[in-house]
PDB file of N, CA and C in Angstrom:
ATOM      1  N   MET A   1     132.354-113.359  46.329  1.00  0.00           N
ATOM      2  CA  MET A   1     133.101-113.918  45.220  1.00  0.00           C
ATOM      3  C   MET A   1     132.582-115.298  44.851  1.00  0.00           C
ATOM      4  N   SER A   2     132.246-116.118  45.831  1.00  0.00           N
ATOM      5  CA  SER A   2     131.821-117.479  45.545  1.00  0.00           C
ATOM      6  C   SER A   2     130.488-117.524  44.796  1.00  0.00           C
ATOM      7  N   THR A   3     129.635-116.514  44.942  1.00  0.00           N
ATOM      8  CA  THR A   3     128.356-116.512  44.224  1.00  0.00           C
ATOM      9  C   THR A   3     128.523-116.223  42.744  1.00  0.00           C
ATOM     10  N   ILE A   4     129.605-115.552  42.338  1.00  0.00           N
ATOM     11  CA  ILE A   4     129.782-115.262  40.918  1.00  0.00           C
ATOM     12  C   ILE A   4     130.434-116.406  40.163  1.00  0.00           C
ATOM     13  N   VAL A   5     131.102-117.310  40.857  1.00  0.00           N
ATOM     14  CA  VAL A   5     131.795-118.407  40.179  1.00  0.00           C
ATOM     15  C   VAL A   5     130.838-119.252  39.344  1.00  0.00           C
ATOM     16  N   PRO A   6     129.665-119.712  39.867  1.00  0.00           N
ATOM     17  CA  PRO A   6     128.758-120.486  39.013  1.00  0.00           C
ATOM     18  C   PRO A   6     128.269-119.704  37.790  1.00  0.00           C
ATOM     19  N   VAL A   7     128.049-118.411  37.941  1.00  0.00           N
ATOM     20  CA  VAL A   7     127.600-117.595  36.818  1.00  0.00           C
ATOM     21  C   VAL A   7     128.689-117.509  35.761  1.00  0.00           C
ATOM     22  N   LEU A   8     129.920-117.267  36.190  1.00  0.00           N
ATOM     23  CA  LEU A   8     131.026-117.180  35.246  1.00  0.00           C
ATOM     24  C   LEU A   8     131.257-118.523  34.563  1.00  0.00           C
ATOM     25  N   LEU A   9     131.152-119.604  35.309  1.00  0.00           N
ATOM     26  CA  LEU A   9     131.303-120.926  34.703  1.00  0.00           C
ATOM     27  C   LEU A   9     130.205-121.197  33.687  1.00  0.00           C
ATOM     28  N   SER A  10     128.979-120.760  33.982  1.00  0.00           N
ATOM     29  CA  SER A  10     127.893-120.983  33.029  1.00  0.00           C
ATOM     30  C   SER A  10     128.138-120.199  31.738  1.00  0.00           C
ATOM     31  N   LEU A  11     128.782-119.039  31.825  1.00  0.00           N
ATOM     32  CA  LEU A  11     129.122-118.287  30.616  1.00  0.00           C
ATOM     33  C   LEU A  11     130.108-119.066  29.757  1.00  0.00           C
ATOM     34  N   LEU A  12     130.979-119.814  30.388  1.00  0.00           N
ATOM     35  CA  LEU A  12     131.955-120.597  29.636  1.00  0.00           C
ATOM     36  C   LEU A  12     131.297-121.767  28.927  1.00  0.00           C
ATOM     37  N   LEU A  13     130.175-122.244  29.462  1.00  0.00           N
ATOM     38  CA  LEU A  13     129.519-123.429  28.928  1.00  0.00           C
ATOM     39  C   LEU A  13     128.339-123.115  28.029  1.00  0.00           C
ATOM     40  N   VAL A  14     128.063-121.838  27.761  1.00  0.00           N
ATOM     41  CA  VAL A  14     126.947-121.469  26.889  1.00  0.00           C
ATOM     42  C   VAL A  14     127.161-122.146  25.534  1.00  0.00           C
ATOM     43  N   PRO A  15     126.162-122.891  25.033  1.00  0.00           N
ATOM     44  CA  PRO A  15     126.360-123.677  23.826  1.00  0.00           C
ATOM     45  C   PRO A  15     126.600-122.870  22.555  1.00  0.00           C
ATOM     46  N   GLY A  16     126.081-121.681  22.447  1.00  0.00           N
ATOM     47  CA  GLY A  16     126.269-120.896  21.232  1.00  0.00           C
ATOM     48  C   GLY A  16     126.181-119.425  21.532  1.00  0.00           C
ATOM     49  N   PRO A  17     126.689-118.604  20.616  1.00  0.00           N
ATOM     50  CA  PRO A  17     126.677-117.165  20.860  1.00  0.00           C
ATOM     51  C   PRO A  17     125.273-116.581  20.766  1.00  0.00           C
ATOM     52  N   ALA A  18     125.032-115.557  21.572  1.00  0.00           N
ATOM     53  CA  ALA A  18     123.779-114.820  21.470  1.00  0.00           C
ATOM     54  C   ALA A  18     123.853-113.859  20.298  1.00  0.00           C
ATOM     55  N   PHE A  19     125.062-113.481  19.927  1.00  0.00           N
ATOM     56  CA  PHE A  19     125.266-112.509  18.868  1.00  0.00           C
ATOM     57  C   PHE A  19     126.636-112.775  18.277  1.00  0.00           C
ATOM     58  N   SER A  20     126.775-112.689  16.981  1.00  0.00           N
ATOM     59  CA  SER A  20     128.059-112.943  16.350  1.00  0.00           C
ATOM     60  C   SER A  20     128.275-111.944  15.226  1.00  0.00           C
ATOM     61  N   GLN A  21     129.511-111.520  15.077  1.00  0.00           N
ATOM     62  CA  GLN A  21     129.859-110.602  13.992  1.00  0.00           C
ATOM     63  C   GLN A  21     131.157-111.078  13.370  1.00  0.00           C
ATOM     64  N   LYS A  22     131.197-111.165  12.046  1.00  0.00           N
ATOM     65  CA  LYS A  22     132.407-111.559  11.338  1.00  0.00           C
ATOM     66  C   LYS A  22     133.103-110.314  10.807  1.00  0.00           C
ATOM     67  N   THR A  23     134.423-110.408  10.667  1.00  0.00           N
ATOM     68  CA  THR A  23     135.181-109.309  10.086  1.00  0.00           C
ATOM     69  C   THR A  23     134.997-109.336   8.575  1.00  0.00           C
ATOM     70  N   GLN A  24     135.496-108.314   7.899  1.00  0.00           N
ATOM     71  CA  GLN A  24     135.314-108.204   6.459  1.00  0.00           C
ATOM     72  C   GLN A  24     135.878-109.403   5.702  1.00  0.00           C
ATOM     73  N   ASP A  25     137.000-109.947   6.157  1.00  0.00           N
ATOM     74  CA  ASP A  25     137.579-111.090   5.446  1.00  0.00           C
ATOM     75  C   ASP A  25     137.093-112.428   6.000  1.00  0.00           C
ATOM     76  N   ASP A  26     136.138-112.417   6.922  1.00  0.00           N
ATOM     77  CA  ASP A  26     135.528-113.614   7.512  1.00  0.00           C
ATOM     78  C   ASP A  26     136.516-114.515   8.251  1.00  0.00           C
ATOM     79  N   SER A  27     137.726-114.037   8.526  1.00  0.00           N
ATOM     80  CA  SER A  27     138.674-114.892   9.243  1.00  0.00           C
ATOM     81  C   SER A  27     138.440-114.840  10.754  1.00  0.00           C
ATOM     82  N   LEU A  28     137.998-113.715  11.265  1.00  0.00           N
ATOM     83  CA  LEU A  28     137.749-113.567  12.692  1.00  0.00           C
ATOM     84  C   LEU A  28     136.258-113.564  12.967  1.00  0.00           C
ATOM     85  N   SER A  29     135.870-114.206  14.036  1.00  0.00           N
ATOM     86  CA  SER A  29     134.472-114.220  14.443  1.00  0.00           C
ATOM     87  C   SER A  29     134.395-113.732  15.884  1.00  0.00           C
ATOM     88  N   VAL A  30     133.603-112.695  16.123  1.00  0.00           N
ATOM     89  CA  VAL A  30     133.417-112.157  17.465  1.00  0.00           C
ATOM     90  C   VAL A  30     132.005-112.493  17.915  1.00  0.00           C
ATOM     91  N   SER A  31     131.882-113.094  19.093  1.00  0.00           N
ATOM     92  CA  SER A  31     130.556-113.396  19.619  1.00  0.00           C
ATOM     93  C   SER A  31     130.431-112.833  21.024  1.00  0.00           C
ATOM     94  N   ILE A  32     129.205-112.461  21.372  1.00  0.00           N
ATOM     95  CA  ILE A  32     128.915-111.905  22.689  1.00  0.00           C
ATOM     96  C   ILE A  32     127.787-112.713  23.311  1.00  0.00           C
ATOM     97  N   THR A  33     128.019-113.171  24.531  1.00  0.00           N
ATOM     98  CA  THR A  33     127.004-113.904  25.271  1.00  0.00           C
ATOM     99  C   THR A  33     126.818-113.244  26.623  1.00  0.00           C
ATOM    100  N   SER A  34     125.695-113.543  27.284  1.00  0.00           N
ATOM    101  CA  SER A  34     125.429-112.919  28.585  1.00  0.00           C
ATOM    102  C   SER A  34     124.775-113.905  29.529  1.00  0.00           C
ATOM    103  N   GLN A  35     124.905-113.605  30.813  1.00  0.00           N
ATOM    104  CA  GLN A  35     124.282-114.394  31.870  1.00  0.00           C
ATOM    105  C   GLN A  35     123.893-113.430  32.981  1.00  0.00           C
ATOM    106  N   VAL A  36     122.642-113.501  33.422  1.00  0.00           N
ATOM    107  CA  VAL A  36     122.177-112.647  34.511  1.00  0.00           C
ATOM    108  C   VAL A  36     122.880-113.057  35.799  1.00  0.00           C
ATOM    109  N   GLY A  37     123.362-112.065  36.540  1.00  0.00           N
ATOM    110  CA  GLY A  37     124.053-112.327  37.791  1.00  0.00           C
ATOM    111  C   GLY A  37     123.098-112.621  38.933  1.00  0.00           C
ATOM    112  N   PRO A  38     123.646-113.029  40.081  1.00  0.00           N
ATOM    113  CA  PRO A  38     122.827-113.302  41.259  1.00  0.00           C
ATOM    114  C   PRO A  38     121.978-112.087  41.635  1.00  0.00           C
ATOM    115  N   GLY A  39     120.697-112.297  41.892  1.00  0.00           N
ATOM    116  CA  GLY A  39     119.799-111.202  42.258  1.00  0.00           C
ATOM    117  C   GLY A  39     119.225-110.448  41.078  1.00  0.00           C
ATOM    118  N   GLY A  40     119.748-110.671  39.886  1.00  0.00           N
ATOM    119  CA  GLY A  40     119.208-110.041  38.685  1.00  0.00           C
ATOM    120  C   GLY A  40     119.544-108.577  38.496  1.00  0.00           C
ATOM    121  N   HIS A  41     120.421-108.020  39.334  1.00  0.00           N
ATOM    122  CA  HIS A  41     120.754-106.596  39.220  1.00  0.00           C
ATOM    123  C   HIS A  41     121.955-106.341  38.315  1.00  0.00           C
ATOM    124  N   SER A  42     122.665-107.408  37.963  1.00  0.00           N
ATOM    125  CA  SER A  42     123.817-107.257  37.085  1.00  0.00           C
ATOM    126  C   SER A  42     123.799-108.371  36.042  1.00  0.00           C
ATOM    127  N   VAL A  43     124.610-108.168  35.017  1.00  0.00           N
ATOM    128  CA  VAL A  43     124.730-109.131  33.930  1.00  0.00           C
ATOM    129  C   VAL A  43     126.221-109.327  33.672  1.00  0.00           C
ATOM    130  N   TYR A  44     126.618-110.572  33.440  1.00  0.00           N
ATOM    131  CA  TYR A  44     127.982-110.869  33.015  1.00  0.00           C
ATOM    132  C   TYR A  44     127.954-110.994  31.507  1.00  0.00           C
ATOM    133  N   ILE A  45     128.772-110.200  30.823  1.00  0.00           N
ATOM    134  CA  ILE A  45     128.824-110.277  29.368  1.00  0.00           C
ATOM    135  C   ILE A  45     130.217-110.754  28.957  1.00  0.00           C
ATOM    136  N   LYS A  46     130.223-111.693  28.019  1.00  0.00           N
ATOM    137  CA  LYS A  46     131.476-112.277  27.537  1.00  0.00           C
ATOM    138  C   LYS A  46     131.626-111.933  26.064  1.00  0.00           C
ATOM    139  N   CYS A  47     132.789-111.445  25.713  1.00  0.00           N
ATOM    140  CA  CYS A  47     133.149-111.191  24.327  1.00  0.00           C
ATOM    141  C   CYS A  47     134.225-112.212  23.968  1.00  0.00           C
ATOM    142  N   MET A  48     133.963-112.989  22.922  1.00  0.00           N
ATOM    143  CA  MET A  48     134.896-114.035  22.518  1.00  0.00           C
ATOM    144  C   MET A  48     135.255-113.849  21.054  1.00  0.00           C
ATOM    145  N   ILE A  49     136.535-114.010  20.744  1.00  0.00           N
ATOM    146  CA  ILE A  49     137.002-113.937  19.359  1.00  0.00           C
ATOM    147  C   ILE A  49     137.643-115.262  18.999  1.00  0.00           C
ATOM    148  N   ASN A  50     137.336-115.706  17.796  1.00  0.00           N
ATOM    149  CA  ASN A  50     137.852-116.976  17.315  1.00  0.00           C
ATOM    150  C   ASN A  50     138.408-116.781  15.918  1.00  0.00           C
ATOM    151  N   GLY A  51     139.484-117.483  15.597  1.00  0.00           N
ATOM    152  CA  GLY A  51     140.010-117.462  14.240  1.00  0.00           C
ATOM    153  C   GLY A  51     141.146-116.501  14.011  1.00  0.00           C
ATOM    154  N   PHE A  52     141.853-116.084  15.070  1.00  0.00           N
ATOM    155  CA  PHE A  52     142.946-115.142  14.839  1.00  0.00           C
ATOM    156  C   PHE A  52     144.295-115.843  14.920  1.00  0.00           C
ATOM    157  N   TYR A  53     145.246-115.294  14.198  1.00  0.00           N
ATOM    158  CA  TYR A  53     146.619-115.768  14.186  1.00  0.00           C
ATOM    159  C   TYR A  53     147.476-114.642  13.654  1.00  0.00           C
ATOM    160  N   PRO A  54     148.608-114.329  14.201  1.00  0.00           N
ATOM    161  CA  PRO A  54     149.297-114.972  15.324  1.00  0.00           C
ATOM    162  C   PRO A  54     148.635-114.649  16.663  1.00  0.00           C
ATOM    163  N   GLU A  55     149.226-115.177  17.730  1.00  0.00           N
ATOM    164  CA  GLU A  55     148.598-115.126  19.045  1.00  0.00           C
ATOM    165  C   GLU A  55     148.425-113.743  19.671  1.00  0.00           C
ATOM    166  N   PRO A  56     149.361-112.836  19.658  1.00  0.00           N
ATOM    167  CA  PRO A  56     149.136-111.599  20.430  1.00  0.00           C
ATOM    168  C   PRO A  56     147.851-110.885  20.011  1.00  0.00           C
ATOM    169  N   ILE A  57     147.032-110.547  20.998  1.00  0.00           N
ATOM    170  CA  ILE A  57     145.766-109.859  20.751  1.00  0.00           C
ATOM    171  C   ILE A  57     145.452-108.982  21.954  1.00  0.00           C
ATOM    172  N   SER A  58     144.749-107.889  21.713  1.00  0.00           N
ATOM    173  CA  SER A  58     144.268-107.015  22.784  1.00  0.00           C
ATOM    174  C   SER A  58     142.752-106.971  22.681  1.00  0.00           C
ATOM    175  N   MET A  59     142.088-107.296  23.783  1.00  0.00           N
ATOM    176  CA  MET A  59     140.628-107.316  23.780  1.00  0.00           C
ATOM    177  C   MET A  59     140.148-106.782  25.119  1.00  0.00           C
ATOM    178  N   TYR A  60     139.171-105.880  25.069  1.00  0.00           N
ATOM    179  CA  TYR A  60     138.675-105.276  26.302  1.00  0.00           C
ATOM    180  C   TYR A  60     137.275-104.707  26.079  1.00  0.00           C
ATOM    181  N   TRP A  61     136.576-104.462  27.180  1.00  0.00           N
ATOM    182  CA  TRP A  61     135.254-103.832  27.168  1.00  0.00           C
ATOM    183  C   TRP A  61     135.391-102.366  27.515  1.00  0.00           C
ATOM    184  N   THR A  62     134.486-101.560  26.941  1.00  0.00           N
ATOM    185  CA  THR A  62     134.403-100.158  27.336  1.00  0.00           C
ATOM    186  C   THR A  62     132.957 -99.817  27.676  1.00  0.00           C
ATOM    187  N   ARG A  63     132.814 -98.842  28.523  1.00  0.00           N
ATOM    188  CA  ARG A  63     131.513 -98.218  28.807  1.00  0.00           C
ATOM    189  C   ARG A  63     131.671 -96.792  28.322  1.00  0.00           C
ATOM    190  N   GLY A  64     131.045 -96.468  27.202  1.00  0.00           N
ATOM    191  CA  GLY A  64     131.308 -95.176  26.573  1.00  0.00           C
ATOM    192  C   GLY A  64     132.748 -95.172  26.097  1.00  0.00           C
ATOM    193  N   SER A  65     133.531 -94.208  26.555  1.00  0.00           N
ATOM    194  CA  SER A  65     134.941 -94.145  26.167  1.00  0.00           C
ATOM    195  C   SER A  65     135.879 -94.658  27.259  1.00  0.00           C
ATOM    196  N   ASN A  66     135.314 -95.197  28.349  1.00  0.00           N
ATOM    197  CA  ASN A  66     136.131 -95.674  29.465  1.00  0.00           C
ATOM    198  C   ASN A  66     136.321 -97.186  29.433  1.00  0.00           C
ATOM    199  N   VAL A  67     137.576 -97.623  29.564  1.00  0.00           N
ATOM    200  CA  VAL A  67     137.874 -99.051  29.620  1.00  0.00           C
ATOM    201  C   VAL A  67     137.374 -99.600  30.949  1.00  0.00           C
ATOM    202  N   VAL A  68     136.733-100.772  30.894  1.00  0.00           N
ATOM    203  CA  VAL A  68     136.148-101.411  32.069  1.00  0.00           C
ATOM    204  C   VAL A  68     137.071-102.531  32.540  1.00  0.00           C
ATOM    205  N   GLU A  69     137.233-102.651  33.858  1.00  0.00           N
ATOM    206  CA  GLU A  69     138.069-103.711  34.416  1.00  0.00           C
ATOM    207  C   GLU A  69     137.459-105.078  34.105  1.00  0.00           C
ATOM    208  N   THR A  70     138.287-105.990  33.622  1.00  0.00           N
ATOM    209  CA  THR A  70     137.852-107.332  33.255  1.00  0.00           C
ATOM    210  C   THR A  70     137.636-108.168  34.510  1.00  0.00           C
ATOM    211  N   GLU A  71     136.514-108.873  34.549  1.00  0.00           N
ATOM    212  CA  GLU A  71     136.176-109.766  35.657  1.00  0.00           C
ATOM    213  C   GLU A  71     136.918-111.093  35.512  1.00  0.00           C
ATOM    214  N   LEU A  72     136.987-111.584  34.273  1.00  0.00           N
ATOM    215  CA  LEU A  72     137.594-112.885  33.995  1.00  0.00           C
ATOM    216  C   LEU A  72     138.044-112.891  32.548  1.00  0.00           C
ATOM    217  N   GLU A  73     139.206-113.511  32.282  1.00  0.00           N
ATOM    218  CA  GLU A  73     139.683-113.664  30.910  1.00  0.00           C
ATOM    219  C   GLU A  73     140.478-114.956  30.824  1.00  0.00           C
ATOM    220  N   ASN A  74     140.686-115.428  29.603  1.00  0.00           N
ATOM    221  CA  ASN A  74     141.457-116.657  29.448  1.00  0.00           C
ATOM    222  C   ASN A  74     142.776-116.381  28.757  1.00  0.00           C
ATOM    223  N   ASP A  75     143.665-117.351  28.827  1.00  0.00           N
ATOM    224  CA  ASP A  75     144.856-117.313  27.994  1.00  0.00           C
ATOM    225  C   ASP A  75     144.405-117.710  26.595  1.00  0.00           C
ATOM    226  N   SER A  76     145.092-117.234  25.582  1.00  0.00           N
ATOM    227  CA  SER A  76     144.738-117.614  24.217  1.00  0.00           C
ATOM    228  C   SER A  76     144.800-119.131  24.093  1.00  0.00           C
ATOM    229  N   LEU A  77     143.763-119.701  23.477  1.00  0.00           N
ATOM    230  CA  LEU A  77     143.706-121.145  23.282  1.00  0.00           C
ATOM    231  C   LEU A  77     143.923-121.469  21.817  1.00  0.00           C
ATOM    232  N   LEU A  78     144.806-122.411  21.531  1.00  0.00           N
ATOM    233  CA  LEU A  78     145.045-122.852  20.165  1.00  0.00           C
ATOM    234  C   LEU A  78     143.950-123.841  19.788  1.00  0.00           C
ATOM    235  N   THR A  79     143.241-123.585  18.679  1.00  0.00           N
ATOM    236  CA  THR A  79     142.152-124.451  18.237  1.00  0.00           C
ATOM    237  C   THR A  79     142.674-125.494  17.248  1.00  0.00           C
ATOM    238  N   GLU A  80     141.825-126.438  16.898  1.00  0.00           N
ATOM    239  CA  GLU A  80     142.199-127.521  15.984  1.00  0.00           C
ATOM    240  C   GLU A  80     142.663-127.030  14.616  1.00  0.00           C
ATOM    241  N   ASN A  81     142.131-125.881  14.164  1.00  0.00           N
ATOM    242  CA  ASN A  81     142.490-125.384  12.829  1.00  0.00           C
ATOM    243  C   ASN A  81     143.742-124.510  12.826  1.00  0.00           C
ATOM    244  N   GLY A  82     144.440-124.424  13.960  1.00  0.00           N
ATOM    245  CA  GLY A  82     145.689-123.669  14.026  1.00  0.00           C
ATOM    246  C   GLY A  82     145.519-122.190  14.326  1.00  0.00           C
ATOM    247  N   ASN A  83     144.280-121.747  14.548  1.00  0.00           N
ATOM    248  CA  ASN A  83     144.024-120.370  14.955  1.00  0.00           C
ATOM    249  C   ASN A  83     143.808-120.323  16.458  1.00  0.00           C
ATOM    250  N   TYR A  84     143.632-119.117  16.984  1.00  0.00           N
ATOM    251  CA  TYR A  84     143.467-118.942  18.426  1.00  0.00           C
ATOM    252  C   TYR A  84     142.072-118.461  18.784  1.00  0.00           C
ATOM    253  N   LEU A  85     141.720-118.668  20.044  1.00  0.00           N
ATOM    254  CA  LEU A  85     140.449-118.251  20.620  1.00  0.00           C
ATOM    255  C   LEU A  85     140.768-117.514  21.927  1.00  0.00           C
ATOM    256  N   TYR A  86     140.046-116.423  22.194  1.00  0.00           N
ATOM    257  CA  TYR A  86     140.291-115.624  23.397  1.00  0.00           C
ATOM    258  C   TYR A  86     138.977-114.983  23.828  1.00  0.00           C
ATOM    259  N   TRP A  87     138.781-114.768  25.137  1.00  0.00           N
ATOM    260  CA  TRP A  87     137.575-114.107  25.619  1.00  0.00           C
ATOM    261  C   TRP A  87     137.833-113.309  26.884  1.00  0.00           C
ATOM    262  N   VAL A  88     136.951-112.314  27.093  1.00  0.00           N
ATOM    263  CA  VAL A  88     136.966-111.490  28.307  1.00  0.00           C
ATOM    264  C   VAL A  88     135.535-111.344  28.809  1.00  0.00           C
ATOM    265  N   VAL A  89     135.385-111.289  30.135  1.00  0.00           N
ATOM    266  CA  VAL A  89     134.077-111.173  30.777  1.00  0.00           C
ATOM    267  C   VAL A  89     134.092-109.975  31.714  1.00  0.00           C
ATOM    268  N   VAL A  90     132.988-109.208  31.715  1.00  0.00           N
ATOM    269  CA  VAL A  90     132.808-108.120  32.671  1.00  0.00           C
ATOM    270  C   VAL A  90     131.422-108.229  33.295  1.00  0.00           C
ATOM    271  N   GLU A  91     131.297-107.713  34.502  1.00  0.00           N
ATOM    272  CA  GLU A  91     130.003-107.613  35.176  1.00  0.00           C
ATOM    273  C   GLU A  91     129.517-106.186  35.018  1.00  0.00           C
ATOM    274  N   VAL A  92     128.269-106.029  34.562  1.00  0.00           N
ATOM    275  CA  VAL A  92     127.719-104.692  34.322  1.00  0.00           C
ATOM    276  C   VAL A  92     126.335-104.584  34.947  1.00  0.00           C
ATOM    277  N   PRO A  93     125.935-103.374  35.363  1.00  0.00           N
ATOM    278  CA  PRO A  93     124.568-103.198  35.854  1.00  0.00           C
ATOM    279  C   PRO A  93     123.565-103.485  34.738  1.00  0.00           C
ATOM    280  N   SER A  94     122.504-104.203  35.058  1.00  0.00           N
ATOM    281  CA  SER A  94     121.511-104.626  34.052  1.00  0.00           C
ATOM    282  C   SER A  94     120.992-103.475  33.202  1.00  0.00           C
ATOM    283  N   LEU A  95     120.710-102.346  33.820  1.00  0.00           N
ATOM    284  CA  LEU A  95     120.116-101.223  33.086  1.00  0.00           C
ATOM    285  C   LEU A  95     121.117-100.479  32.203  1.00  0.00           C
ATOM    286  N   GLU A  96     122.414-100.706  32.416  1.00  0.00           N
ATOM    287  CA  GLU A  96     123.436 -99.983  31.652  1.00  0.00           C
ATOM    288  C   GLU A  96     124.049-100.802  30.527  1.00  0.00           C
ATOM    289  N   ILE A  97     123.573-102.012  30.321  1.00  0.00           N
ATOM    290  CA  ILE A  97     124.203-102.909  29.354  1.00  0.00           C
ATOM    291  C   ILE A  97     124.310-102.325  27.940  1.00  0.00           C
ATOM    292  N   PRO A  98     123.354-101.530  27.451  1.00  0.00           N
ATOM    293  CA  PRO A  98     123.507-100.978  26.091  1.00  0.00           C
ATOM    294  C   PRO A  98     124.688-100.018  25.932  1.00  0.00           C
ATOM    295  N   LEU A  99     125.291 -99.583  27.031  1.00  0.00           N
ATOM    296  CA  LEU A  99     126.405 -98.641  26.966  1.00  0.00           C
ATOM    297  C   LEU A  99     127.755 -99.316  26.717  1.00  0.00           C
ATOM    298  N   TYR A 100     127.786-100.644  26.640  1.00  0.00           N
ATOM    299  CA  TYR A 100     129.041-101.392  26.576  1.00  0.00           C
ATOM    300  C   TYR A 100     129.366-101.860  25.162  1.00  0.00           C
ATOM    301  N   SER A 101     130.681-101.852  24.863  1.00  0.00           N
ATOM    302  CA  SER A 101     131.188-102.328  23.578  1.00  0.00           C
ATOM    303  C   SER A 101     132.445-103.150  23.813  1.00  0.00           C
ATOM    304  N   CYS A 102     132.648-104.139  22.976  1.00  0.00           N
ATOM    305  CA  CYS A 102     133.856-104.960  23.015  1.00  0.00           C
ATOM    306  C   CYS A 102     134.820-104.442  21.956  1.00  0.00           C
ATOM    307  N   HIS A 103     136.083-104.290  22.338  1.00  0.00           N
ATOM    308  CA  HIS A 103     137.117-103.781  21.433  1.00  0.00           C
ATOM    309  C   HIS A 103     138.162-104.862  21.194  1.00  0.00           C
ATOM    310  N   VAL A 104     138.541-105.041  19.931  1.00  0.00           N
ATOM    311  CA  VAL A 104     139.535-106.039  19.553  1.00  0.00           C
ATOM    312  C   VAL A 104     140.600-105.356  18.717  1.00  0.00           C
ATOM    313  N   GLU A 105     141.860-105.550  19.104  1.00  0.00           N
ATOM    314  CA  GLU A 105     142.987-105.042  18.331  1.00  0.00           C
ATOM    315  C   GLU A 105     143.896-106.228  18.016  1.00  0.00           C
ATOM    316  N   HIS A 106     144.170-106.417  16.712  1.00  0.00           N
ATOM    317  CA  HIS A 106     145.006-107.534  16.278  1.00  0.00           C
ATOM    318  C   HIS A 106     145.734-107.150  14.997  1.00  0.00           C
ATOM    319  N   SER A 107     146.896-107.763  14.779  1.00  0.00           N
ATOM    320  CA  SER A 107     147.710-107.425  13.603  1.00  0.00           C
ATOM    321  C   SER A 107     147.008-107.738  12.277  1.00  0.00           C
ATOM    322  N   SER A 108     146.016-108.623  12.274  1.00  0.00           N
ATOM    323  CA  SER A 108     145.300-108.944  11.041  1.00  0.00           C
ATOM    324  C   SER A 108     144.215-107.925  10.689  1.00  0.00           C
ATOM    325  N   LEU A 109     143.947-107.007  11.610  1.00  0.00           N
ATOM    326  CA  LEU A 109     142.910-105.993  11.391  1.00  0.00           C
ATOM    327  C   LEU A 109     143.538-104.674  10.961  1.00  0.00           C
ATOM    328  N   ALA A 110     142.978-104.042   9.951  1.00  0.00           N
ATOM    329  CA  ALA A 110     143.472-102.742   9.493  1.00  0.00           C
ATOM    330  C   ALA A 110     143.229-101.663  10.547  1.00  0.00           C
ATOM    331  N   GLN A 111     142.151-101.830  11.308  1.00  0.00           N
ATOM    332  CA  GLN A 111     141.824-100.903  12.394  1.00  0.00           C
ATOM    333  C   GLN A 111     141.151-101.706  13.500  1.00  0.00           C
ATOM    334  N   PRO A 112     141.127-101.176  14.728  1.00  0.00           N
ATOM    335  CA  PRO A 112     140.465-101.912  15.812  1.00  0.00           C
ATOM    336  C   PRO A 112     139.012-102.213  15.478  1.00  0.00           C
ATOM    337  N   LEU A 113     138.552-103.368  15.904  1.00  0.00           N
ATOM    338  CA  LEU A 113     137.173-103.789  15.705  1.00  0.00           C
ATOM    339  C   LEU A 113     136.396-103.455  16.976  1.00  0.00           C
ATOM    340  N   VAL A 114     135.268-102.741  16.824  1.00  0.00           N
ATOM    341  CA  VAL A 114     134.427-102.381  17.954  1.00  0.00           C
ATOM    342  C   VAL A 114     133.063-103.019  17.736  1.00  0.00           C
ATOM    343  N   VAL A 115     132.660-103.871  18.698  1.00  0.00           N
ATOM    344  CA  VAL A 115     131.380-104.562  18.607  1.00  0.00           C
ATOM    345  C   VAL A 115     130.503-104.079  19.754  1.00  0.00           C
ATOM    346  N   PRO A 116     129.518-103.232  19.463  1.00  0.00           N
ATOM    347  CA  PRO A 116     128.638-102.738  20.534  1.00  0.00           C
ATOM    348  C   PRO A 116     127.648-103.819  20.956  1.00  0.00           C
ATOM    349  N   TRP A 117     127.178-103.697  22.190  1.00  0.00           N
ATOM    350  CA  TRP A 117     126.121-104.597  22.675  1.00  0.00           C
ATOM    351  C   TRP A 117     124.924-104.441  21.768  1.00  0.00           C
ATOM    352  N   ASN A 118     124.293-105.542  21.418  1.00  0.00           N
ATOM    353  CA  ASN A 118     123.107-105.551  20.574  1.00  0.00           C
ATOM    354  C   ASN A 118     121.919-105.900  21.455  1.00  0.00           C
ATOM    355  N   GLU A 119     120.861-105.110  21.422  1.00  0.00           N
ATOM    356  CA  GLU A 119     119.724-105.318  22.318  1.00  0.00           C
ATOM    357  C   GLU A 119     119.105-106.706  22.197  1.00  0.00           C
ATOM    358  N   GLY A 120     119.190-107.339  21.036  1.00  0.00           N
ATOM    359  CA  GLY A 120     118.667-108.680  20.859  1.00  0.00           C
ATOM    360  C   GLY A 120     119.360-109.705  21.727  1.00  0.00           C
ATOM    361  N   GLN A 121     120.534-109.352  22.237  1.00  0.00           N
ATOM    362  CA  GLN A 121     121.276-110.266  23.068  1.00  0.00           C
ATOM    363  C   GLN A 121     120.612-110.519  24.401  1.00  0.00           C
ATOM    364  N   GLU A 122     119.889-109.550  24.919  1.00  0.00           N
ATOM    365  CA  GLU A 122     119.284-109.692  26.252  1.00  0.00           C
ATOM    366  C   GLU A 122     118.399-110.909  26.332  1.00  0.00           C
ATOM    367  N   SER A 123     117.661-111.206  25.266  1.00  0.00           N
ATOM    368  CA  SER A 123     116.755-112.340  25.296  1.00  0.00           C
ATOM    369  C   SER A 123     117.399-113.601  24.743  1.00  0.00           C
ATOM    370  N   GLY A 124     118.681-113.504  24.346  1.00  0.00           N
ATOM    371  CA  GLY A 124     119.370-114.646  23.793  1.00  0.00           C
ATOM    372  C   GLY A 124     119.085-114.870  22.320  1.00  0.00           C
ATOM    373  N   ASP A 125     118.479-113.882  21.645  1.00  0.00           N
ATOM    374  CA  ASP A 125     118.206-113.990  20.217  1.00  0.00           C
ATOM    375  C   ASP A 125     119.499-114.011  19.433  1.00  0.00           C
ATOM    376  N   GLN A 126     119.477-114.670  18.278  1.00  0.00           N
ATOM    377  CA  GLN A 126     120.658-114.681  17.407  1.00  0.00           C
ATOM    378  C   GLN A 126     120.549-113.609  16.361  1.00  0.00           C
TER     379      GLN A 126
END
């Protein structure tokens, strides 16, 4: 457990998203960042959403159609502009990362938002 703490903390301090997707009305922004785990056999991927209001939100990762247990998540944070920010992190095997998608359900969305892993994320490309 102690070896994953620095990796998870580094995910929190990543200066910018590796990948970002806006919703149709541009009010919500979903970004996905990653950090290679100890030994290089796994990757921690973080899905973060910014710009939602009101606070209740459901966000989770899936592998195919199966929900994946969250490694780390935060309480919703109120930002300076009066909207909220929320994120979830999971640890995944390096070779299986393309199988993962982030799911967001919120009252401002007509339907759940599904953001699949983008291969450009592995190298940190935007």
